[in-house]
């Protein structure tokens, strides 16, 4: 098995290494959310310096990182899976809805 190509990487607020695989960025994120094409740096920064962090409701091993006023919508949401090492960005998209646990 060949190693998957890492397109970019960052660290989360706890210092864990988080990678973004090229196949996820091109084959999933940009396919479903082409408006993020110019926002790769924002996606990485959202993981490193989020405005809000929440557990993912679908898995205890996933975390949702949010940046406000970044990207193509009110919030930029990036989902990181910690089910493997290094952790991986598995989704990213813009949303207008405040996170459920958000309070100003």
PDB file of N, CA and C in Angstrom:
ATOM      1  N   UNK A   1       0.844  -1.182   0.000  1.00  0.00           N
ATOM      2  CA  UNK A   1       0.000   0.000   0.000  1.00  0.00           C
ATOM      3  C   UNK A   1       0.892   1.248   0.000  1.00  0.00           C
ATOM      4  N   UNK A   2       0.592   2.187  -0.863  1.00  0.00           N
ATOM      5  CA  UNK A   2       1.381   3.408  -0.936  1.00  0.00           C
ATOM      6  C   UNK A   2       0.827   4.445   0.028  1.00  0.00           C
ATOM      7  N   UNK A   3       1.709   5.259   0.590  1.00  0.00           N
ATOM      8  CA  UNK A   3       1.223   6.297   1.500  1.00  0.00           C
ATOM      9  C   UNK A   3       0.403   7.329   0.726  1.00  0.00           C
ATOM     10  N   UNK A   4      -0.592   7.858   1.395  1.00  0.00           N
ATOM     11  CA  UNK A   4      -1.436   8.861   0.752  1.00  0.00           C
ATOM     12  C   UNK A   4      -0.736  10.209   0.778  1.00  0.00           C
ATOM     13  N   UNK A   5      -0.950  10.970  -0.273  1.00  0.00           N
ATOM     14  CA  UNK A   5      -0.289  12.268  -0.376  1.00  0.00           C
ATOM     15  C   UNK A   5      -0.919  13.281   0.562  1.00  0.00           C
ATOM     16  N   UNK A   6      -0.078  13.856   1.405  1.00  0.00           N
ATOM     17  CA  UNK A   6      -0.516  14.910   2.320  1.00  0.00           C
ATOM     18  C   UNK A   6      -0.407  16.232   1.578  1.00  0.00           C
ATOM     19  N   UNK A   7      -1.527  16.902   1.461  1.00  0.00           N
ATOM     20  CA  UNK A   7      -1.564  18.204   0.789  1.00  0.00           C
ATOM     21  C   UNK A   7      -1.089  19.308   1.724  1.00  0.00           C
ATOM     22  N   UNK A   8      -1.511  19.234   2.985  1.00  0.00           N
ATOM     23  CA  UNK A   8      -1.175  20.279   3.951  1.00  0.00           C
ATOM     24  C   UNK A   8      -1.304  19.705   5.352  1.00  0.00           C
ATOM     25  N   UNK A   9      -0.718  20.411   6.313  1.00  0.00           N
ATOM     26  CA  UNK A   9      -0.874  19.978   7.697  1.00  0.00           C
ATOM     27  C   UNK A   9      -0.812  21.169   8.640  1.00  0.00           C
ATOM     28  N   UNK A  10      -1.334  20.935   9.836  1.00  0.00           N
ATOM     29  CA  UNK A  10      -1.363  21.954  10.880  1.00  0.00           C
ATOM     30  C   UNK A  10      -1.357  21.229  12.209  1.00  0.00           C
ATOM     31  N   UNK A  11      -1.504  21.956  13.285  1.00  0.00           N
ATOM     32  CA  UNK A  11      -1.679  21.349  14.596  1.00  0.00           C
ATOM     33  C   UNK A  11      -2.969  21.887  15.201  1.00  0.00           C
ATOM     34  N   UNK A  12      -3.624  21.056  16.005  1.00  0.00           N
ATOM     35  CA  UNK A  12      -4.841  21.504  16.673  1.00  0.00           C
ATOM     36  C   UNK A  12      -4.464  22.294  17.932  1.00  0.00           C
ATOM     37  N   UNK A  13      -5.415  22.861  18.645  1.00  0.00           N
ATOM     38  CA  UNK A  13      -5.091  23.676  19.825  1.00  0.00           C
ATOM     39  C   UNK A  13      -4.353  22.907  20.928  1.00  0.00           C
ATOM     40  N   UNK A  14      -4.389  21.575  20.898  1.00  0.00           N
ATOM     41  CA  UNK A  14      -3.691  20.768  21.898  1.00  0.00           C
ATOM     42  C   UNK A  14      -2.321  20.317  21.410  1.00  0.00           C
ATOM     43  N   UNK A  15      -1.940  20.728  20.204  1.00  0.00           N
ATOM     44  CA  UNK A  15      -0.632  20.389  19.662  1.00  0.00           C
ATOM     45  C   UNK A  15      -0.581  19.107  18.853  1.00  0.00           C
ATOM     46  N   UNK A  16      -1.727  18.464  18.625  1.00  0.00           N
ATOM     47  CA  UNK A  16      -1.745  17.231  17.826  1.00  0.00           C
ATOM     48  C   UNK A  16      -1.589  17.567  16.342  1.00  0.00           C
ATOM     49  N   UNK A  17      -0.845  16.747  15.641  1.00  0.00           N
ATOM     50  CA  UNK A  17      -0.658  16.908  14.200  1.00  0.00           C
ATOM     51  C   UNK A  17      -1.949  16.535  13.482  1.00  0.00           C
ATOM     52  N   UNK A  18      -2.358  17.396  12.540  1.00  0.00           N
ATOM     53  CA  UNK A  18      -3.574  17.177  11.744  1.00  0.00           C
ATOM     54  C   UNK A  18      -3.197  17.362  10.280  1.00  0.00           C
ATOM     55  N   UNK A  19      -3.524  16.364   9.455  1.00  0.00           N
ATOM     56  CA  UNK A  19      -3.176  16.444   8.039  1.00  0.00           C
ATOM     57  C   UNK A  19      -4.438  16.545   7.180  1.00  0.00           C
ATOM     58  N   UNK A  20      -4.228  17.068   5.985  1.00  0.00           N
ATOM     59  CA  UNK A  20      -5.268  17.118   4.967  1.00  0.00           C
ATOM     60  C   UNK A  20      -4.736  16.364   3.763  1.00  0.00           C
ATOM     61  N   UNK A  21      -5.379  15.266   3.433  1.00  0.00           N
ATOM     62  CA  UNK A  21      -4.967  14.472   2.282  1.00  0.00           C
ATOM     63  C   UNK A  21      -5.476  15.099   0.993  1.00  0.00           C
ATOM     64  N   UNK A  22      -4.661  15.026  -0.044  1.00  0.00           N
ATOM     65  CA  UNK A  22      -5.049  15.592  -1.339  1.00  0.00           C
ATOM     66  C   UNK A  22      -6.374  14.990  -1.824  1.00  0.00           C
ATOM     67  N   UNK A  23      -6.550  13.672  -1.658  1.00  0.00           N
ATOM     68  CA  UNK A  23      -7.772  13.028  -2.152  1.00  0.00           C
ATOM     69  C   UNK A  23      -9.024  13.536  -1.416  1.00  0.00           C
ATOM     70  N   UNK A  24      -8.870  13.916  -0.155  1.00  0.00           N
ATOM     71  CA  UNK A  24     -10.013  14.450   0.603  1.00  0.00           C
ATOM     72  C   UNK A  24     -10.319  15.873   0.143  1.00  0.00           C
ATOM     73  N   UNK A  25      -9.277  16.687  -0.017  1.00  0.00           N
ATOM     74  CA  UNK A  25      -9.471  18.074  -0.447  1.00  0.00           C
ATOM     75  C   UNK A  25     -10.078  18.133  -1.852  1.00  0.00           C
ATOM     76  N   UNK A  26      -9.477  17.415  -2.792  1.00  0.00           N
ATOM     77  CA  UNK A  26      -9.924  17.486  -4.180  1.00  0.00           C
ATOM     78  C   UNK A  26     -11.140  16.601  -4.454  1.00  0.00           C
ATOM     79  N   UNK A  27     -11.169  15.423  -3.855  1.00  0.00           N
ATOM     80  CA  UNK A  27     -12.206  14.451  -4.181  1.00  0.00           C
ATOM     81  C   UNK A  27     -13.458  14.533  -3.344  1.00  0.00           C
ATOM     82  N   UNK A  28     -13.403  15.239  -2.230  1.00  0.00           N
ATOM     83  CA  UNK A  28     -14.592  15.349  -1.380  1.00  0.00           C
ATOM     84  C   UNK A  28     -14.946  16.802  -1.098  1.00  0.00           C
ATOM     85  N   UNK A  29     -14.031  17.521  -0.448  1.00  0.00           N
ATOM     86  CA  UNK A  29     -14.345  18.884  -0.011  1.00  0.00           C
ATOM     87  C   UNK A  29     -14.627  19.794  -1.203  1.00  0.00           C
ATOM     88  N   UNK A  30     -13.718  19.870  -2.166  1.00  0.00           N
ATOM     89  CA  UNK A  30     -13.939  20.766  -3.306  1.00  0.00           C
ATOM     90  C   UNK A  30     -15.026  20.252  -4.239  1.00  0.00           C
ATOM     91  N   UNK A  31     -15.199  18.937  -4.320  1.00  0.00           N
ATOM     92  CA  UNK A  31     -16.276  18.397  -5.152  1.00  0.00           C
ATOM     93  C   UNK A  31     -17.638  18.840  -4.609  1.00  0.00           C
ATOM     94  N   UNK A  32     -17.791  18.806  -3.288  1.00  0.00           N
ATOM     95  CA  UNK A  32     -19.066  19.162  -2.667  1.00  0.00           C
ATOM     96  C   UNK A  32     -19.189  20.648  -2.351  1.00  0.00           C
ATOM     97  N   UNK A  33     -18.046  21.326  -2.189  1.00  0.00           N
ATOM     98  CA  UNK A  33     -18.047  22.740  -1.768  1.00  0.00           C
ATOM     99  C   UNK A  33     -16.971  23.508  -2.529  1.00  0.00           C
ATOM    100  N   UNK A  34     -17.166  23.646  -3.827  1.00  0.00           N
ATOM    101  CA  UNK A  34     -16.178  24.301  -4.690  1.00  0.00           C
ATOM    102  C   UNK A  34     -15.842  25.724  -4.239  1.00  0.00           C
ATOM    103  N   UNK A  35     -16.750  26.349  -3.511  1.00  0.00           N
ATOM    104  CA  UNK A  35     -16.532  27.713  -3.029  1.00  0.00           C
ATOM    105  C   UNK A  35     -15.357  27.799  -2.037  1.00  0.00           C
ATOM    106  N   UNK A  36     -14.879  26.669  -1.538  1.00  0.00           N
ATOM    107  CA  UNK A  36     -13.744  26.674  -0.611  1.00  0.00           C
ATOM    108  C   UNK A  36     -12.393  26.645  -1.324  1.00  0.00           C
ATOM    109  N   UNK A  37     -12.379  26.605  -2.637  1.00  0.00           N
ATOM    110  CA  UNK A  37     -11.144  26.485  -3.408  1.00  0.00           C
ATOM    111  C   UNK A  37     -10.076  27.499  -2.994  1.00  0.00           C
ATOM    112  N   UNK A  38     -10.461  28.711  -2.702  1.00  0.00           N
ATOM    113  CA  UNK A  38      -9.504  29.763  -2.332  1.00  0.00           C
ATOM    114  C   UNK A  38      -9.283  29.846  -0.819  1.00  0.00           C
ATOM    115  N   UNK A  39      -9.779  28.865  -0.067  1.00  0.00           N
ATOM    116  CA  UNK A  39      -9.762  28.972   1.398  1.00  0.00           C
ATOM    117  C   UNK A  39      -8.991  27.854   2.105  1.00  0.00           C
ATOM    118  N   UNK A  40      -8.023  27.252   1.436  1.00  0.00           N
ATOM    119  CA  UNK A  40      -7.233  26.202   2.065  1.00  0.00           C
ATOM    120  C   UNK A  40      -6.557  26.706   3.335  1.00  0.00           C
ATOM    121  N   UNK A  41      -5.938  27.869   3.285  1.00  0.00           N
ATOM    122  CA  UNK A  41      -5.275  28.420   4.474  1.00  0.00           C
ATOM    123  C   UNK A  41      -6.274  28.668   5.603  1.00  0.00           C
ATOM    124  N   UNK A  42      -7.480  29.107   5.252  1.00  0.00           N
ATOM    125  CA  UNK A  42      -8.512  29.333   6.270  1.00  0.00           C
ATOM    126  C   UNK A  42      -8.934  28.022   6.928  1.00  0.00           C
ATOM    127  N   UNK A  43      -9.010  26.955   6.152  1.00  0.00           N
ATOM    128  CA  UNK A  43      -9.359  25.636   6.699  1.00  0.00           C
ATOM    129  C   UNK A  43      -8.304  25.220   7.722  1.00  0.00           C
ATOM    130  N   UNK A  44      -7.041  25.348   7.378  1.00  0.00           N
ATOM    131  CA  UNK A  44      -5.961  24.971   8.288  1.00  0.00           C
ATOM    132  C   UNK A  44      -5.942  25.857   9.532  1.00  0.00           C
ATOM    133  N   UNK A  45      -6.147  27.139   9.357  1.00  0.00           N
ATOM    134  CA  UNK A  45      -6.161  28.083  10.479  1.00  0.00           C
ATOM    135  C   UNK A  45      -7.347  27.819  11.409  1.00  0.00           C
ATOM    136  N   UNK A  46      -8.466  27.365  10.843  1.00  0.00           N
ATOM    137  CA  UNK A  46      -9.637  27.050  11.662  1.00  0.00           C
ATOM    138  C   UNK A  46      -9.324  25.933  12.643  1.00  0.00           C
ATOM    139  N   UNK A  47      -8.557  24.953  12.215  1.00  0.00           N
ATOM    140  CA  UNK A  47      -8.168  23.864  13.113  1.00  0.00           C
ATOM    141  C   UNK A  47      -7.162  24.366  14.157  1.00  0.00           C
ATOM    142  N   UNK A  48      -6.214  25.159  13.739  1.00  0.00           N
ATOM    143  CA  UNK A  48      -5.151  25.623  14.635  1.00  0.00           C
ATOM    144  C   UNK A  48      -5.629  26.666  15.635  1.00  0.00           C
ATOM    145  N   UNK A  49      -6.512  27.563  15.185  1.00  0.00           N
ATOM    146  CA  UNK A  49      -6.947  28.686  16.025  1.00  0.00           C
ATOM    147  C   UNK A  49      -8.452  28.896  15.896  1.00  0.00           C
ATOM    148  N   UNK A  50      -9.253  27.937  16.346  1.00  0.00           N
ATOM    149  CA  UNK A  50     -10.705  28.028  16.169  1.00  0.00           C
ATOM    150  C   UNK A  50     -11.345  29.080  17.074  1.00  0.00           C
ATOM    151  N   UNK A  51     -12.475  29.596  16.612  1.00  0.00           N
ATOM    152  CA  UNK A  51     -13.293  30.473  17.453  1.00  0.00           C
ATOM    153  C   UNK A  51     -14.214  29.664  18.353  1.00  0.00           C
ATOM    154  N   UNK A  52     -14.478  28.425  17.962  1.00  0.00           N
ATOM    155  CA  UNK A  52     -15.351  27.550  18.736  1.00  0.00           C
ATOM    156  C   UNK A  52     -14.992  26.102  18.415  1.00  0.00           C
ATOM    157  N   UNK A  53     -15.099  25.234  19.424  1.00  0.00           N
ATOM    158  CA  UNK A  53     -14.808  23.812  19.268  1.00  0.00           C
ATOM    159  C   UNK A  53     -15.976  23.030  19.856  1.00  0.00           C
ATOM    160  N   UNK A  54     -16.403  21.975  19.158  1.00  0.00           N
ATOM    161  CA  UNK A  54     -17.489  21.131  19.646  1.00  0.00           C
ATOM    162  C   UNK A  54     -17.223  19.684  19.266  1.00  0.00           C
ATOM    163  N   UNK A  55     -17.687  18.780  20.112  1.00  0.00           N
ATOM    164  CA  UNK A  55     -17.628  17.365  19.761  1.00  0.00           C
ATOM    165  C   UNK A  55     -18.559  17.113  18.592  1.00  0.00           C
ATOM    166  N   UNK A  56     -18.178  16.207  17.731  1.00  0.00           N
ATOM    167  CA  UNK A  56     -19.034  15.811  16.622  1.00  0.00           C
ATOM    168  C   UNK A  56     -20.092  14.844  17.150  1.00  0.00           C
ATOM    169  N   UNK A  57     -21.332  15.106  16.845  1.00  0.00           N
ATOM    170  CA  UNK A  57     -22.420  14.275  17.363  1.00  0.00           C
ATOM    171  C   UNK A  57     -22.399  12.857  16.815  1.00  0.00           C
ATOM    172  N   UNK A  58     -21.752  12.647  15.677  1.00  0.00           N
ATOM    173  CA  UNK A  58     -21.764  11.317  15.062  1.00  0.00           C
ATOM    174  C   UNK A  58     -20.652  10.399  15.561  1.00  0.00           C
ATOM    175  N   UNK A  59     -19.632  10.954  16.217  1.00  0.00           N
ATOM    176  CA  UNK A  59     -18.509  10.127  16.650  1.00  0.00           C
ATOM    177  C   UNK A  59     -17.755  10.822  17.778  1.00  0.00           C
ATOM    178  N   UNK A  60     -17.390  10.041  18.787  1.00  0.00           N
ATOM    179  CA  UNK A  60     -16.606  10.601  19.890  1.00  0.00           C
ATOM    180  C   UNK A  60     -15.171  10.884  19.479  1.00  0.00           C
ATOM    181  N   UNK A  61     -14.749  10.327  18.358  1.00  0.00           N
ATOM    182  CA  UNK A  61     -13.373  10.504  17.905  1.00  0.00           C
ATOM    183  C   UNK A  61     -13.240  11.590  16.847  1.00  0.00           C
ATOM    184  N   UNK A  62     -14.260  12.427  16.741  1.00  0.00           N
ATOM    185  CA  UNK A  62     -14.232  13.534  15.789  1.00  0.00           C
ATOM    186  C   UNK A  62     -14.547  14.833  16.507  1.00  0.00           C
ATOM    187  N   UNK A  63     -13.937  15.899  16.012  1.00  0.00           N
ATOM    188  CA  UNK A  63     -14.135  17.219  16.602  1.00  0.00           C
ATOM    189  C   UNK A  63     -14.473  18.208  15.505  1.00  0.00           C
ATOM    190  N   UNK A  64     -15.377  19.128  15.820  1.00  0.00           N
ATOM    191  CA  UNK A  64     -15.762  20.192  14.897  1.00  0.00           C
ATOM    192  C   UNK A  64     -15.079  21.488  15.322  1.00  0.00           C
ATOM    193  N   UNK A  65     -14.370  22.091  14.404  1.00  0.00           N
ATOM    194  CA  UNK A  65     -13.690  23.364  14.636  1.00  0.00           C
ATOM    195  C   UNK A  65     -14.377  24.435  13.790  1.00  0.00           C
ATOM    196  N   UNK A  66     -14.647  25.581  14.394  1.00  0.00           N
ATOM    197  CA  UNK A  66     -15.362  26.658  13.724  1.00  0.00           C
ATOM    198  C   UNK A  66     -14.548  27.952  13.744  1.00  0.00           C
ATOM    199  N   UNK A  67     -14.589  28.688  12.630  1.00  0.00           N
ATOM    200  CA  UNK A  67     -14.078  30.061  12.563  1.00  0.00           C
ATOM    201  C   UNK A  67     -15.218  30.950  12.115  1.00  0.00           C
ATOM    202  N   UNK A  68     -15.374  32.050  12.777  1.00  0.00           N
ATOM    203  CA  UNK A  68     -16.466  32.980  12.481  1.00  0.00           C
ATOM    204  C   UNK A  68     -15.995  34.045  11.498  1.00  0.00           C
ATOM    205  N   UNK A  69     -16.825  34.322  10.497  1.00  0.00           N
ATOM    206  CA  UNK A  69     -16.518  35.369   9.532  1.00  0.00           C
ATOM    207  C   UNK A  69     -15.373  35.028   8.600  1.00  0.00           C
ATOM    208  N   UNK A  70     -15.115  33.742   8.410  1.00  0.00           N
ATOM    209  CA  UNK A  70     -14.018  33.289   7.553  1.00  0.00           C
ATOM    210  C   UNK A  70     -14.606  32.411   6.466  1.00  0.00           C
ATOM    211  N   UNK A  71     -14.116  32.571   5.254  1.00  0.00           N
ATOM    212  CA  UNK A  71     -14.600  31.723   4.173  1.00  0.00           C
ATOM    213  C   UNK A  71     -15.849  32.276   3.528  1.00  0.00           C
ATOM    214  N   UNK A  72     -16.583  31.418   2.838  1.00  0.00           N
ATOM    215  CA  UNK A  72     -17.696  31.875   2.007  1.00  0.00           C
ATOM    216  C   UNK A  72     -19.015  32.078   2.746  1.00  0.00           C
ATOM    217  N   UNK A  73     -19.037  31.899   4.061  1.00  0.00           N
ATOM    218  CA  UNK A  73     -20.286  32.025   4.799  1.00  0.00           C
ATOM    219  C   UNK A  73     -20.002  32.615   6.181  1.00  0.00           C
ATOM    220  N   UNK A  74     -21.018  32.626   7.021  1.00  0.00           N
ATOM    221  CA  UNK A  74     -20.870  33.188   8.361  1.00  0.00           C
ATOM    222  C   UNK A  74     -19.851  32.420   9.201  1.00  0.00           C
ATOM    223  N   UNK A  75     -19.866  31.107   9.093  1.00  0.00           N
ATOM    224  CA  UNK A  75     -18.933  30.235   9.802  1.00  0.00           C
ATOM    225  C   UNK A  75     -18.229  29.315   8.804  1.00  0.00           C
ATOM    226  N   UNK A  76     -16.988  28.982   9.109  1.00  0.00           N
ATOM    227  CA  UNK A  76     -16.282  27.917   8.412  1.00  0.00           C
ATOM    228  C   UNK A  76     -16.188  26.766   9.404  1.00  0.00           C
ATOM    229  N   UNK A  77     -16.689  25.606   9.016  1.00  0.00           N
ATOM    230  CA  UNK A  77     -16.700  24.422   9.863  1.00  0.00           C
ATOM    231  C   UNK A  77     -15.748  23.383   9.283  1.00  0.00           C
ATOM    232  N   UNK A  78     -14.838  22.890  10.114  1.00  0.00           N
ATOM    233  CA  UNK A  78     -13.879  21.873   9.702  1.00  0.00           C
ATOM    234  C   UNK A  78     -13.994  20.695  10.674  1.00  0.00           C
ATOM    235  N   UNK A  79     -14.178  19.504  10.135  1.00  0.00           N
ATOM    236  CA  UNK A  79     -14.298  18.308  10.959  1.00  0.00           C
ATOM    237  C   UNK A  79     -12.993  17.534  10.894  1.00  0.00           C
ATOM    238  N   UNK A  80     -12.465  17.188  12.069  1.00  0.00           N
ATOM    239  CA  UNK A  80     -11.218  16.427  12.176  1.00  0.00           C
ATOM    240  C   UNK A  80     -11.516  15.081  12.819  1.00  0.00           C
ATOM    241  N   UNK A  81     -11.005  14.030  12.201  1.00  0.00           N
ATOM    242  CA  UNK A  81     -11.117  12.672  12.735  1.00  0.00           C
ATOM    243  C   UNK A  81      -9.828  12.314  13.453  1.00  0.00           C
ATOM    244  N   UNK A  82      -9.975  11.878  14.696  1.00  0.00           N
ATOM    245  CA  UNK A  82      -8.834  11.423  15.490  1.00  0.00           C
ATOM    246  C   UNK A  82      -8.806   9.898  15.564  1.00  0.00           C
ATOM    247  N   UNK A  83      -9.461   9.253  14.611  1.00  0.00           N
ATOM    248  CA  UNK A  83      -9.548   7.796  14.584  1.00  0.00           C
ATOM    249  C   UNK A  83      -8.255   7.140  14.096  1.00  0.00           C
ATOM    250  N   UNK A  84      -7.310   7.920  13.599  1.00  0.00           N
ATOM    251  CA  UNK A  84      -6.034   7.426  13.112  1.00  0.00           C
ATOM    252  C   UNK A  84      -4.962   8.458  13.433  1.00  0.00           C
ATOM    253  N   UNK A  85      -3.712   8.055  13.267  1.00  0.00           N
ATOM    254  CA  UNK A  85      -2.591   8.959  13.512  1.00  0.00           C
ATOM    255  C   UNK A  85      -1.816   9.143  12.226  1.00  0.00           C
ATOM    256  N   UNK A  86      -1.516  10.351  11.793  1.00  0.00           N
ATOM    257  CA  UNK A  86      -1.983  11.581  12.418  1.00  0.00           C
ATOM    258  C   UNK A  86      -3.480  11.785  12.176  1.00  0.00           C
ATOM    259  N   UNK A  87      -4.066  12.690  12.952  1.00  0.00           N
ATOM    260  CA  UNK A  87      -5.473  13.032  12.763  1.00  0.00           C
ATOM    261  C   UNK A  87      -5.656  13.617  11.368  1.00  0.00           C
ATOM    262  N   UNK A  88      -6.895  13.510  10.849  1.00  0.00           N
ATOM    263  CA  UNK A  88      -7.159  13.961   9.478  1.00  0.00           C
ATOM    264  C   UNK A  88      -8.364  14.877   9.399  1.00  0.00           C
ATOM    265  N   UNK A  89      -8.235  15.890   8.565  1.00  0.00           N
ATOM    266  CA  UNK A  89      -9.391  16.701   8.199  1.00  0.00           C
ATOM    267  C   UNK A  89     -10.229  15.840   7.258  1.00  0.00           C
ATOM    268  N   UNK A  90     -11.507  15.666   7.592  1.00  0.00           N
ATOM    269  CA  UNK A  90     -12.357  14.820   6.761  1.00  0.00           C
ATOM    270  C   UNK A  90     -13.481  15.594   6.085  1.00  0.00           C
ATOM    271  N   UNK A  91     -13.730  16.835   6.522  1.00  0.00           N
ATOM    272  CA  UNK A  91     -14.778  17.632   5.904  1.00  0.00           C
ATOM    273  C   UNK A  91     -14.551  19.097   6.226  1.00  0.00           C
ATOM    274  N   UNK A  92     -15.055  19.957   5.355  1.00  0.00           N
ATOM    275  CA  UNK A  92     -15.005  21.396   5.586  1.00  0.00           C
ATOM    276  C   UNK A  92     -16.091  22.034   4.735  1.00  0.00           C
ATOM    277  N   UNK A  93     -16.785  23.001   5.309  1.00  0.00           N
ATOM    278  CA  UNK A  93     -17.816  23.710   4.554  1.00  0.00           C
ATOM    279  C   UNK A  93     -18.229  24.963   5.299  1.00  0.00           C
ATOM    280  N   UNK A  94     -18.844  25.871   4.571  1.00  0.00           N
ATOM    281  CA  UNK A  94     -19.376  27.083   5.163  1.00  0.00           C
ATOM    282  C   UNK A  94     -20.799  26.850   5.646  1.00  0.00           C
ATOM    283  N   UNK A  95     -21.163  27.541   6.720  1.00  0.00           N
ATOM    284  CA  UNK A  95     -22.522  27.440   7.234  1.00  0.00           C
ATOM    285  C   UNK A  95     -22.939  28.769   7.845  1.00  0.00           C
ATOM    286  N   UNK A  96     -24.215  29.066   7.752  1.00  0.00           N
ATOM    287  CA  UNK A  96     -24.738  30.291   8.361  1.00  0.00           C
ATOM    288  C   UNK A  96     -25.224  30.057   9.784  1.00  0.00           C
ATOM    289  N   UNK A  97     -25.452  28.807  10.138  1.00  0.00           N
ATOM    290  CA  UNK A  97     -25.994  28.483  11.458  1.00  0.00           C
ATOM    291  C   UNK A  97     -24.913  28.548  12.536  1.00  0.00           C
ATOM    292  N   UNK A  98     -25.280  29.132  13.668  1.00  0.00           N
ATOM    293  CA  UNK A  98     -24.367  29.116  14.819  1.00  0.00           C
ATOM    294  C   UNK A  98     -24.252  27.684  15.321  1.00  0.00           C
ATOM    295  N   UNK A  99     -23.074  27.313  15.843  1.00  0.00           N
ATOM    296  CA  UNK A  99     -22.951  25.995  16.469  1.00  0.00           C
ATOM    297  C   UNK A  99     -23.966  25.848  17.601  1.00  0.00           C
ATOM    298  N   UNK A 100     -24.452  24.636  17.821  1.00  0.00           N
ATOM    299  CA  UNK A 100     -25.471  24.382  18.841  1.00  0.00           C
ATOM    300  C   UNK A 100     -25.007  24.893  20.200  1.00  0.00           C
ATOM    301  N   UNK A 101     -23.749  24.676  20.533  1.00  0.00           N
ATOM    302  CA  UNK A 101     -23.233  25.045  21.843  1.00  0.00           C
ATOM    303  C   UNK A 101     -22.629  26.448  21.889  1.00  0.00           C
ATOM    304  N   UNK A 102     -22.845  27.245  20.860  1.00  0.00           N
ATOM    305  CA  UNK A 102     -22.250  28.579  20.772  1.00  0.00           C
ATOM    306  C   UNK A 102     -22.992  29.571  21.654  1.00  0.00           C
ATOM    307  N   UNK A 103     -22.227  30.385  22.364  1.00  0.00           N
ATOM    308  CA  UNK A 103     -22.794  31.540  23.074  1.00  0.00           C
ATOM    309  C   UNK A 103     -21.747  32.634  23.051  1.00  0.00           C
ATOM    310  N   UNK A 104     -22.205  33.845  22.838  1.00  0.00           N
ATOM    311  CA  UNK A 104     -21.263  34.967  22.748  1.00  0.00           C
ATOM    312  C   UNK A 104     -20.903  35.502  24.107  1.00  0.00           C
TER     313      UNK A 104
END
